[in-house]
Amino acid sequence: MFNSPSVRDPFSPFWDLRRELDRVFGAPELDVGNGGEFAPSVEVESDDHGLTLYAEIPGVAPEKVTVTVERNVLTIAGERPAASPSEATTHRSERRYGKFFRSYQLSEDYDTEAIEANCKNGVLTVHVPRRAAAKPRQISVRTA
């Protein structure tokens, strides 16, 4: 999170704990590399069918978003353009602009060849289905 060795993130132990819990319980690891620039808020859900990510990307054109997967790392990247310059003087700016990416480590349980993504009303939805072998199935018990 911080590049300087003299600055220590006070939340480092909590991030370590979160990564370890995610590793143990199979949740995807999160890597945010934006350092204060725009980074979309993301919700991640999973069920028996797969994993679904919802990323809020208002103001980002769908053609400016890329979804890639390499070595089981799913990456959402894009750029939110800055507002058009105007003649007015800006007194306060709280909106974030710029390039962004969010990356998630996927387990082998997911079929990276069948990922689907769509964008509607400023929300990018990415669905990663589970492999058939990874889906829970019920075994019928027969009498002998």
Foldseek 3Di string as FASTA:
>chain_A
DDDDPVDDDPCVVVLVVVVVVCVVVVNWDKDWDDVPADEWDWDWDADLFFIKIKTQAPQFDPVQWDWDADPQKTKIKGWRDDDDDDPDDDPDDDHGTTITMMIIRHDPQWDPVPWDWDDDPRMIMITTTGDPVNRDDDDDDDDD
